């Protein structure tokens, strides 16, 4: 069953955040991620407002978690830490 990585992000330092976006795709490619939404126009109707919303599809929950916990992604995450506010969840599809 497919799983979806849902991220809400507000970038604090675009120059430093680019260090993350330059290397994170390595992990996403390795784990077969398919981007369904990434930073397009959005409207927050309830809850905290973030600048960017990202939805990434993986073949299943284990693959999504493996991607997040991979050395490739964790290395990229270190590049964004302190340069954005992020909320990330992984949810199984129907």
PDB file of N, CA and C in Angstrom:
ATOM      1  N   UNK A   1       0.844  -1.174   0.000  1.00  0.00           N
ATOM      2  CA  UNK A   1       0.000   0.000   0.000  1.00  0.00           C
ATOM      3  C   UNK A   1       0.897   1.248   0.000  1.00  0.00           C
ATOM      4  N   UNK A   2       0.595   2.191  -0.866  1.00  0.00           N
ATOM      5  CA  UNK A   2       1.388   3.415  -0.964  1.00  0.00           C
ATOM      6  C   UNK A   2       1.383   4.178   0.356  1.00  0.00           C
ATOM      7  N   UNK A   3       2.439   4.937   0.551  1.00  0.00           N
ATOM      8  CA  UNK A   3       2.538   5.824   1.716  1.00  0.00           C
ATOM      9  C   UNK A   3       2.962   7.197   1.218  1.00  0.00           C
ATOM     10  N   UNK A   4       2.568   8.214   1.960  1.00  0.00           N
ATOM     11  CA  UNK A   4       2.796   9.595   1.544  1.00  0.00           C
ATOM     12  C   UNK A   4       3.547  10.355   2.622  1.00  0.00           C
ATOM     13  N   UNK A   5       4.619  10.989   2.210  1.00  0.00           N
ATOM     14  CA  UNK A   5       5.427  11.846   3.068  1.00  0.00           C
ATOM     15  C   UNK A   5       4.836  13.238   2.869  1.00  0.00           C
ATOM     16  N   UNK A   6       4.329  13.827   3.934  1.00  0.00           N
ATOM     17  CA  UNK A   6       3.707  15.145   3.857  1.00  0.00           C
ATOM     18  C   UNK A   6       4.541  16.102   4.696  1.00  0.00           C
ATOM     19  N   UNK A   7       5.083  17.113   4.045  1.00  0.00           N
ATOM     20  CA  UNK A   7       5.953  18.070   4.731  1.00  0.00           C
ATOM     21  C   UNK A   7       5.403  19.480   4.579  1.00  0.00           C
ATOM     22  N   UNK A   8       5.449  20.213   5.665  1.00  0.00           N
ATOM     23  CA  UNK A   8       5.089  21.628   5.679  1.00  0.00           C
ATOM     24  C   UNK A   8       6.348  22.361   6.126  1.00  0.00           C
ATOM     25  N   UNK A   9       6.772  23.356   5.351  1.00  0.00           N
ATOM     26  CA  UNK A   9       8.063  23.990   5.592  1.00  0.00           C
ATOM     27  C   UNK A   9       7.965  25.504   5.443  1.00  0.00           C
ATOM     28  N   UNK A  10       8.616  26.201   6.358  1.00  0.00           N
ATOM     29  CA  UNK A  10       8.857  27.625   6.202  1.00  0.00           C
ATOM     30  C   UNK A  10      10.370  27.817   6.201  1.00  0.00           C
ATOM     31  N   UNK A  11      10.878  28.374   5.120  1.00  0.00           N
ATOM     32  CA  UNK A  11      12.315  28.573   4.959  1.00  0.00           C
ATOM     33  C   UNK A  11      12.719  29.862   5.663  1.00  0.00           C
ATOM     34  N   UNK A  12      13.731  29.775   6.511  1.00  0.00           N
ATOM     35  CA  UNK A  12      14.237  30.942   7.239  1.00  0.00           C
ATOM     36  C   UNK A  12      15.433  31.572   6.535  1.00  0.00           C
ATOM     37  N   UNK A  13      16.258  30.762   5.894  1.00  0.00           N
ATOM     38  CA  UNK A  13      17.452  31.236   5.194  1.00  0.00           C
ATOM     39  C   UNK A  13      17.539  30.511   3.848  1.00  0.00           C
ATOM     40  N   UNK A  14      17.037  31.137   2.786  1.00  0.00           N
ATOM     41  CA  UNK A  14      17.006  30.480   1.473  1.00  0.00           C
ATOM     42  C   UNK A  14      18.375  30.045   0.959  1.00  0.00           C
ATOM     43  N   UNK A  15      19.403  30.799   1.249  1.00  0.00           N
ATOM     44  CA  UNK A  15      20.740  30.442   0.766  1.00  0.00           C
ATOM     45  C   UNK A  15      21.203  29.142   1.422  1.00  0.00           C
ATOM     46  N   UNK A  16      21.065  29.036   2.730  1.00  0.00           N
ATOM     47  CA  UNK A  16      21.468  27.823   3.449  1.00  0.00           C
ATOM     48  C   UNK A  16      20.527  26.659   3.140  1.00  0.00           C
ATOM     49  N   UNK A  17      19.245  26.932   2.961  1.00  0.00           N
ATOM     50  CA  UNK A  17      18.277  25.887   2.657  1.00  0.00           C
ATOM     51  C   UNK A  17      18.591  25.225   1.315  1.00  0.00           C
ATOM     52  N   UNK A  18      19.170  25.982   0.406  1.00  0.00           N
ATOM     53  CA  UNK A  18      19.550  25.433  -0.904  1.00  0.00           C
ATOM     54  C   UNK A  18      20.573  24.312  -0.749  1.00  0.00           C
ATOM     55  N   UNK A  19      21.389  24.363   0.298  1.00  0.00           N
ATOM     56  CA  UNK A  19      22.335  23.267   0.549  1.00  0.00           C
ATOM     57  C   UNK A  19      21.576  21.949   0.740  1.00  0.00           C
ATOM     58  N   UNK A  20      20.409  22.020   1.369  1.00  0.00           N
ATOM     59  CA  UNK A  20      19.544  20.852   1.547  1.00  0.00           C
ATOM     60  C   UNK A  20      18.947  20.419   0.215  1.00  0.00           C
ATOM     61  N   UNK A  21      18.361  21.361  -0.508  1.00  0.00           N
ATOM     62  CA  UNK A  21      17.677  20.993  -1.755  1.00  0.00           C
ATOM     63  C   UNK A  21      18.650  20.517  -2.834  1.00  0.00           C
ATOM     64  N   UNK A  22      19.922  20.851  -2.688  1.00  0.00           N
ATOM     65  CA  UNK A  22      20.920  20.379  -3.646  1.00  0.00           C
ATOM     66  C   UNK A  22      21.224  18.891  -3.475  1.00  0.00           C
ATOM     67  N   UNK A  23      21.114  18.370  -2.231  1.00  0.00           N
ATOM     68  CA  UNK A  23      21.517  16.974  -2.023  1.00  0.00           C
ATOM     69  C   UNK A  23      20.378  16.026  -1.628  1.00  0.00           C
ATOM     70  N   UNK A  24      19.260  16.538  -1.153  1.00  0.00           N
ATOM     71  CA  UNK A  24      18.147  15.671  -0.758  1.00  0.00           C
ATOM     72  C   UNK A  24      17.632  14.798  -1.903  1.00  0.00           C
ATOM     73  N   UNK A  25      17.624  15.264  -3.157  1.00  0.00           N
ATOM     74  CA  UNK A  25      17.118  14.427  -4.244  1.00  0.00           C
ATOM     75  C   UNK A  25      17.829  13.085  -4.390  1.00  0.00           C
ATOM     76  N   UNK A  26      19.051  12.970  -3.906  1.00  0.00           N
ATOM     77  CA  UNK A  26      19.765  11.686  -3.971  1.00  0.00           C
ATOM     78  C   UNK A  26      18.978  10.616  -3.218  1.00  0.00           C
ATOM     79  N   UNK A  27      18.524  10.949  -2.012  1.00  0.00           N
ATOM     80  CA  UNK A  27      17.747   9.995  -1.213  1.00  0.00           C
ATOM     81  C   UNK A  27      16.401   9.711  -1.873  1.00  0.00           C
ATOM     82  N   UNK A  28      15.728  10.749  -2.333  1.00  0.00           N
ATOM     83  CA  UNK A  28      14.413  10.549  -2.941  1.00  0.00           C
ATOM     84  C   UNK A  28      14.497   9.644  -4.167  1.00  0.00           C
ATOM     85  N   UNK A  29      15.507   9.831  -4.979  1.00  0.00           N
ATOM     86  CA  UNK A  29      15.680   9.000  -6.172  1.00  0.00           C
ATOM     87  C   UNK A  29      15.972   7.555  -5.771  1.00  0.00           C
ATOM     88  N   UNK A  30      16.845   7.372  -4.800  1.00  0.00           N
ATOM     89  CA  UNK A  30      17.225   6.027  -4.358  1.00  0.00           C
ATOM     90  C   UNK A  30      16.013   5.217  -3.904  1.00  0.00           C
ATOM     91  N   UNK A  31      15.033   5.877  -3.286  1.00  0.00           N
ATOM     92  CA  UNK A  31      13.874   5.181  -2.730  1.00  0.00           C
ATOM     93  C   UNK A  31      12.611   5.299  -3.596  1.00  0.00           C
ATOM     94  N   UNK A  32      12.776   5.742  -4.833  1.00  0.00           N
ATOM     95  CA  UNK A  32      11.668   5.751  -5.782  1.00  0.00           C
ATOM     96  C   UNK A  32      10.564   6.750  -5.481  1.00  0.00           C
ATOM     97  N   UNK A  33      10.913   7.851  -4.851  1.00  0.00           N
ATOM     98  CA  UNK A  33       9.924   8.872  -4.486  1.00  0.00           C
ATOM     99  C   UNK A  33       9.316   9.517  -5.729  1.00  0.00           C
ATOM    100  N   UNK A  34       8.016   9.791  -5.638  1.00  0.00           N
ATOM    101  CA  UNK A  34       7.307  10.514  -6.694  1.00  0.00           C
ATOM    102  C   UNK A  34       6.689  11.754  -6.052  1.00  0.00           C
ATOM    103  N   UNK A  35       7.112  12.927  -6.504  1.00  0.00           N
ATOM    104  CA  UNK A  35       6.584  14.175  -5.964  1.00  0.00           C
ATOM    105  C   UNK A  35       5.215  14.456  -6.565  1.00  0.00           C
ATOM    106  N   UNK A  36       4.221  14.629  -5.700  1.00  0.00           N
ATOM    107  CA  UNK A  36       2.862  14.936  -6.136  1.00  0.00           C
ATOM    108  C   UNK A  36       2.542  16.412  -5.964  1.00  0.00           C
ATOM    109  N   UNK A  37       3.165  17.050  -5.003  1.00  0.00           N
ATOM    110  CA  UNK A  37       3.020  18.500  -4.780  1.00  0.00           C
ATOM    111  C   UNK A  37       4.320  18.989  -4.175  1.00  0.00           C
ATOM    112  N   UNK A  38       4.760  20.169  -4.620  1.00  0.00           N
ATOM    113  CA  UNK A  38       6.007  20.714  -4.089  1.00  0.00           C
ATOM    114  C   UNK A  38       6.032  22.223  -4.270  1.00  0.00           C
ATOM    115  N   UNK A  39       5.655  22.923  -3.201  1.00  0.00           N
ATOM    116  CA  UNK A  39       5.844  24.363  -3.164  1.00  0.00           C
ATOM    117  C   UNK A  39       4.940  25.198  -4.052  1.00  0.00           C
ATOM    118  N   UNK A  40       3.893  24.626  -4.599  1.00  0.00           N
ATOM    119  CA  UNK A  40       2.981  25.410  -5.425  1.00  0.00           C
ATOM    120  C   UNK A  40       2.083  26.304  -4.579  1.00  0.00           C
ATOM    121  N   UNK A  41       1.184  26.982  -5.246  1.00  0.00           N
ATOM    122  CA  UNK A  41       0.249  27.857  -4.527  1.00  0.00           C
ATOM    123  C   UNK A  41      -0.553  27.040  -3.530  1.00  0.00           C
ATOM    124  N   UNK A  42      -0.759  27.617  -2.348  1.00  0.00           N
ATOM    125  CA  UNK A  42      -1.541  26.919  -1.327  1.00  0.00           C
ATOM    126  C   UNK A  42      -2.297  27.931  -0.479  1.00  0.00           C
ATOM    127  N   UNK A  43      -3.281  27.437   0.240  1.00  0.00           N
ATOM    128  CA  UNK A  43      -4.059  28.258   1.167  1.00  0.00           C
ATOM    129  C   UNK A  43      -4.218  27.468   2.449  1.00  0.00           C
ATOM    130  N   UNK A  44      -3.840  28.051   3.556  1.00  0.00           N
ATOM    131  CA  UNK A  44      -4.035  27.415   4.853  1.00  0.00           C
ATOM    132  C   UNK A  44      -5.412  27.794   5.360  1.00  0.00           C
ATOM    133  N   UNK A  45      -6.239  26.810   5.592  1.00  0.00           N
ATOM    134  CA  UNK A  45      -7.597  27.056   6.053  1.00  0.00           C
ATOM    135  C   UNK A  45      -7.724  26.880   7.558  1.00  0.00           C
ATOM    136  N   UNK A  46      -6.869  26.047   8.149  1.00  0.00           N
ATOM    137  CA  UNK A  46      -6.858  25.844   9.592  1.00  0.00           C
ATOM    138  C   UNK A  46      -5.432  25.526  10.016  1.00  0.00           C
ATOM    139  N   UNK A  47      -5.086  25.896  11.224  1.00  0.00           N
ATOM    140  CA  UNK A  47      -3.779  25.543  11.765  1.00  0.00           C
ATOM    141  C   UNK A  47      -2.672  26.499  11.366  1.00  0.00           C
ATOM    142  N   UNK A  48      -1.458  26.094  11.705  1.00  0.00           N
ATOM    143  CA  UNK A  48      -0.275  26.915  11.458  1.00  0.00           C
ATOM    144  C   UNK A  48      -0.040  27.097   9.962  1.00  0.00           C
ATOM    145  N   UNK A  49       0.412  28.268   9.571  1.00  0.00           N
ATOM    146  CA  UNK A  49       0.713  28.569   8.177  1.00  0.00           C
ATOM    147  C   UNK A  49       2.177  28.304   7.887  1.00  0.00           C
ATOM    148  N   UNK A  50       2.445  27.586   6.817  1.00  0.00           N
ATOM    149  CA  UNK A  50       3.794  27.329   6.332  1.00  0.00           C
ATOM    150  C   UNK A  50       3.902  27.866   4.916  1.00  0.00           C
ATOM    151  N   UNK A  51       5.143  28.162   4.475  1.00  0.00           N
ATOM    152  CA  UNK A  51       5.366  28.673   3.121  1.00  0.00           C
ATOM    153  C   UNK A  51       5.199  27.605   2.058  1.00  0.00           C
ATOM    154  N   UNK A  52       5.682  26.408   2.366  1.00  0.00           N
ATOM    155  CA  UNK A  52       5.739  25.343   1.362  1.00  0.00           C
ATOM    156  C   UNK A  52       5.062  24.081   1.879  1.00  0.00           C
ATOM    157  N   UNK A  53       4.427  23.374   0.964  1.00  0.00           N
ATOM    158  CA  UNK A  53       3.807  22.097   1.289  1.00  0.00           C
ATOM    159  C   UNK A  53       4.266  21.095   0.236  1.00  0.00           C
ATOM    160  N   UNK A  54       4.685  19.927   0.718  1.00  0.00           N
ATOM    161  CA  UNK A  54       5.237  18.915  -0.173  1.00  0.00           C
ATOM    162  C   UNK A  54       4.544  17.584   0.114  1.00  0.00           C
ATOM    163  N   UNK A  55       4.134  16.895  -0.947  1.00  0.00           N
ATOM    164  CA  UNK A  55       3.558  15.557  -0.828  1.00  0.00           C
ATOM    165  C   UNK A  55       4.373  14.643  -1.738  1.00  0.00           C
ATOM    166  N   UNK A  56       4.939  13.583  -1.127  1.00  0.00           N
ATOM    167  CA  UNK A  56       5.788  12.650  -1.862  1.00  0.00           C
ATOM    168  C   UNK A  56       5.219  11.249  -1.689  1.00  0.00           C
ATOM    169  N   UNK A  57       5.043  10.548  -2.796  1.00  0.00           N
ATOM    170  CA  UNK A  57       4.515   9.180  -2.746  1.00  0.00           C
ATOM    171  C   UNK A  57       5.655   8.165  -2.761  1.00  0.00           C
ATOM    172  N   UNK A  58       5.525   7.150  -1.907  1.00  0.00           N
ATOM    173  CA  UNK A  58       6.445   6.014  -1.874  1.00  0.00           C
ATOM    174  C   UNK A  58       5.630   4.742  -2.052  1.00  0.00           C
ATOM    175  N   UNK A  59       6.281   3.647  -2.423  1.00  0.00           N
ATOM    176  CA  UNK A  59       5.533   2.402  -2.676  1.00  0.00           C
ATOM    177  C   UNK A  59       4.874   1.855  -1.424  1.00  0.00           C
ATOM    178  N   UNK A  60       5.467   2.148  -0.231  1.00  0.00           N
ATOM    179  CA  UNK A  60       4.866   1.671   1.018  1.00  0.00           C
ATOM    180  C   UNK A  60       5.483   2.412   2.203  1.00  0.00           C
ATOM    181  N   UNK A  61       4.939   2.182   3.373  1.00  0.00           N
ATOM    182  CA  UNK A  61       5.386   2.859   4.585  1.00  0.00           C
ATOM    183  C   UNK A  61       6.860   2.557   4.886  1.00  0.00           C
ATOM    184  N   UNK A  62       7.255   1.300   4.756  1.00  0.00           N
ATOM    185  CA  UNK A  62       8.648   0.941   5.057  1.00  0.00           C
ATOM    186  C   UNK A  62       9.620   1.702   4.170  1.00  0.00           C
ATOM    187  N   UNK A  63       9.298   1.830   2.896  1.00  0.00           N
ATOM    188  CA  UNK A  63      10.180   2.551   1.971  1.00  0.00           C
ATOM    189  C   UNK A  63      10.252   4.026   2.325  1.00  0.00           C
ATOM    190  N   UNK A  64       9.131   4.622   2.689  1.00  0.00           N
ATOM    191  CA  UNK A  64       9.121   6.033   3.085  1.00  0.00           C
ATOM    192  C   UNK A  64       9.970   6.240   4.334  1.00  0.00           C
ATOM    193  N   UNK A  65       9.821   5.345   5.309  1.00  0.00           N
ATOM    194  CA  UNK A  65      10.622   5.453   6.536  1.00  0.00           C
ATOM    195  C   UNK A  65      12.095   5.184   6.264  1.00  0.00           C
ATOM    196  N   UNK A  66      12.377   4.217   5.399  1.00  0.00           N
ATOM    197  CA  UNK A  66      13.777   3.939   5.043  1.00  0.00           C
ATOM    198  C   UNK A  66      14.419   5.152   4.398  1.00  0.00           C
ATOM    199  N   UNK A  67      13.676   5.848   3.545  1.00  0.00           N
ATOM    200  CA  UNK A  67      14.198   7.057   2.914  1.00  0.00           C
ATOM    201  C   UNK A  67      14.517   8.108   3.970  1.00  0.00           C
ATOM    202  N   UNK A  68      13.558   8.367   4.853  1.00  0.00           N
ATOM    203  CA  UNK A  68      13.770   9.390   5.885  1.00  0.00           C
ATOM    204  C   UNK A  68      14.971   9.046   6.762  1.00  0.00           C
ATOM    205  N   UNK A  69      15.120   7.798   7.125  1.00  0.00           N
ATOM    206  CA  UNK A  69      16.185   7.377   8.034  1.00  0.00           C
ATOM    207  C   UNK A  69      17.506   7.061   7.337  1.00  0.00           C
ATOM    208  N   UNK A  70      17.533   7.146   6.023  1.00  0.00           N
ATOM    209  CA  UNK A  70      18.741   6.799   5.269  1.00  0.00           C
ATOM    210  C   UNK A  70      19.879   7.777   5.551  1.00  0.00           C
ATOM    211  N   UNK A  71      21.110   7.306   5.415  1.00  0.00           N
ATOM    212  CA  UNK A  71      22.259   8.212   5.565  1.00  0.00           C
ATOM    213  C   UNK A  71      22.191   9.384   4.581  1.00  0.00           C
ATOM    214  N   UNK A  72      21.670   9.116   3.373  1.00  0.00           N
ATOM    215  CA  UNK A  72      21.588  10.174   2.360  1.00  0.00           C
ATOM    216  C   UNK A  72      20.648  11.286   2.808  1.00  0.00           C
ATOM    217  N   UNK A  73      19.456  10.900   3.311  1.00  0.00           N
ATOM    218  CA  UNK A  73      18.515  11.934   3.720  1.00  0.00           C
ATOM    219  C   UNK A  73      18.956  12.612   5.012  1.00  0.00           C
ATOM    220  N   UNK A  74      19.460  11.848   5.945  1.00  0.00           N
ATOM    221  CA  UNK A  74      19.895  12.447   7.209  1.00  0.00           C
ATOM    222  C   UNK A  74      21.036  13.440   6.990  1.00  0.00           C
ATOM    223  N   UNK A  75      21.896  13.164   6.031  1.00  0.00           N
ATOM    224  CA  UNK A  75      22.954  14.118   5.678  1.00  0.00           C
ATOM    225  C   UNK A  75      22.351  15.402   5.119  1.00  0.00           C
ATOM    226  N   UNK A  76      21.340  15.267   4.264  1.00  0.00           N
ATOM    227  CA  UNK A  76      20.662  16.441   3.713  1.00  0.00           C
ATOM    228  C   UNK A  76      19.939  17.195   4.821  1.00  0.00           C
ATOM    229  N   UNK A  77      19.275  16.465   5.714  1.00  0.00           N
ATOM    230  CA  UNK A  77      18.531  17.087   6.814  1.00  0.00           C
ATOM    231  C   UNK A  77      19.446  17.961   7.672  1.00  0.00           C
ATOM    232  N   UNK A  78      20.652  17.503   7.911  1.00  0.00           N
ATOM    233  CA  UNK A  78      21.603  18.313   8.686  1.00  0.00           C
ATOM    234  C   UNK A  78      21.851  19.669   8.030  1.00  0.00           C
ATOM    235  N   UNK A  79      21.781  19.698   6.704  1.00  0.00           N
ATOM    236  CA  UNK A  79      21.991  20.957   5.970  1.00  0.00           C
ATOM    237  C   UNK A  79      20.830  21.931   6.145  1.00  0.00           C
ATOM    238  N   UNK A  80      19.621  21.418   6.405  1.00  0.00           N
ATOM    239  CA  UNK A  80      18.469  22.316   6.562  1.00  0.00           C
ATOM    240  C   UNK A  80      18.196  22.672   8.008  1.00  0.00           C
ATOM    241  N   UNK A  81      18.689  21.862   8.938  1.00  0.00           N
ATOM    242  CA  UNK A  81      18.447  22.128  10.358  1.00  0.00           C
ATOM    243  C   UNK A  81      18.886  23.537  10.730  1.00  0.00           C
ATOM    244  N   UNK A  82      17.972  24.277  11.350  1.00  0.00           N
ATOM    245  CA  UNK A  82      18.252  25.654  11.752  1.00  0.00           C
ATOM    246  C   UNK A  82      17.969  26.689  10.678  1.00  0.00           C
ATOM    247  N   UNK A  83      17.694  26.217   9.455  1.00  0.00           N
ATOM    248  CA  UNK A  83      17.462  27.140   8.343  1.00  0.00           C
ATOM    249  C   UNK A  83      16.026  27.096   7.835  1.00  0.00           C
ATOM    250  N   UNK A  84      15.206  26.305   8.527  1.00  0.00           N
ATOM    251  CA  UNK A  84      13.789  26.225   8.197  1.00  0.00           C
ATOM    252  C   UNK A  84      13.042  25.695   9.417  1.00  0.00           C
ATOM    253  N   UNK A  85      11.721  25.844   9.380  1.00  0.00           N
ATOM    254  CA  UNK A  85      10.841  25.191  10.327  1.00  0.00           C
ATOM    255  C   UNK A  85      10.081  24.164   9.527  1.00  0.00           C
ATOM    256  N   UNK A  86      10.138  22.902   9.967  1.00  0.00           N
ATOM    257  CA  UNK A  86       9.497  21.835   9.188  1.00  0.00           C
ATOM    258  C   UNK A  86       8.636  20.956  10.076  1.00  0.00           C
ATOM    259  N   UNK A  87       7.550  20.489   9.492  1.00  0.00           N
ATOM    260  CA  UNK A  87       6.693  19.498  10.117  1.00  0.00           C
ATOM    261  C   UNK A  87       6.520  18.398   9.073  1.00  0.00           C
ATOM    262  N   UNK A  88       6.908  17.168   9.427  1.00  0.00           N
ATOM    263  CA  UNK A  88       6.873  16.074   8.464  1.00  0.00           C
ATOM    264  C   UNK A  88       6.109  14.906   9.063  1.00  0.00           C
ATOM    265  N   UNK A  89       5.218  14.336   8.279  1.00  0.00           N
ATOM    266  CA  UNK A  89       4.479  13.142   8.678  1.00  0.00           C
ATOM    267  C   UNK A  89       4.477  12.178   7.501  1.00  0.00           C
ATOM    268  N   UNK A  90       4.375  10.892   7.810  1.00  0.00           N
ATOM    269  CA  UNK A  90       4.217   9.881   6.781  1.00  0.00           C
ATOM    270  C   UNK A  90       2.914   9.155   7.071  1.00  0.00           C
ATOM    271  N   UNK A  91       2.081   9.038   6.055  1.00  0.00           N
ATOM    272  CA  UNK A  91       0.761   8.436   6.236  1.00  0.00           C
ATOM    273  C   UNK A  91       0.527   7.380   5.157  1.00  0.00           C
ATOM    274  N   UNK A  92      -0.082   6.265   5.544  1.00  0.00           N
ATOM    275  CA  UNK A  92      -0.430   5.245   4.572  1.00  0.00           C
ATOM    276  C   UNK A  92      -1.628   5.689   3.740  1.00  0.00           C
ATOM    277  N   UNK A  93      -1.615   5.286   2.480  1.00  0.00           N
ATOM    278  CA  UNK A  93      -2.742   5.579   1.607  1.00  0.00           C
ATOM    279  C   UNK A  93      -3.883   4.594   1.862  1.00  0.00           C
ATOM    280  N   UNK A  94      -4.932   4.770   1.110  1.00  0.00           N
ATOM    281  CA  UNK A  94      -6.106   3.908   1.247  1.00  0.00           C
ATOM    282  C   UNK A  94      -5.978   2.679   0.370  1.00  0.00           C
TER     283      UNK A  94
END
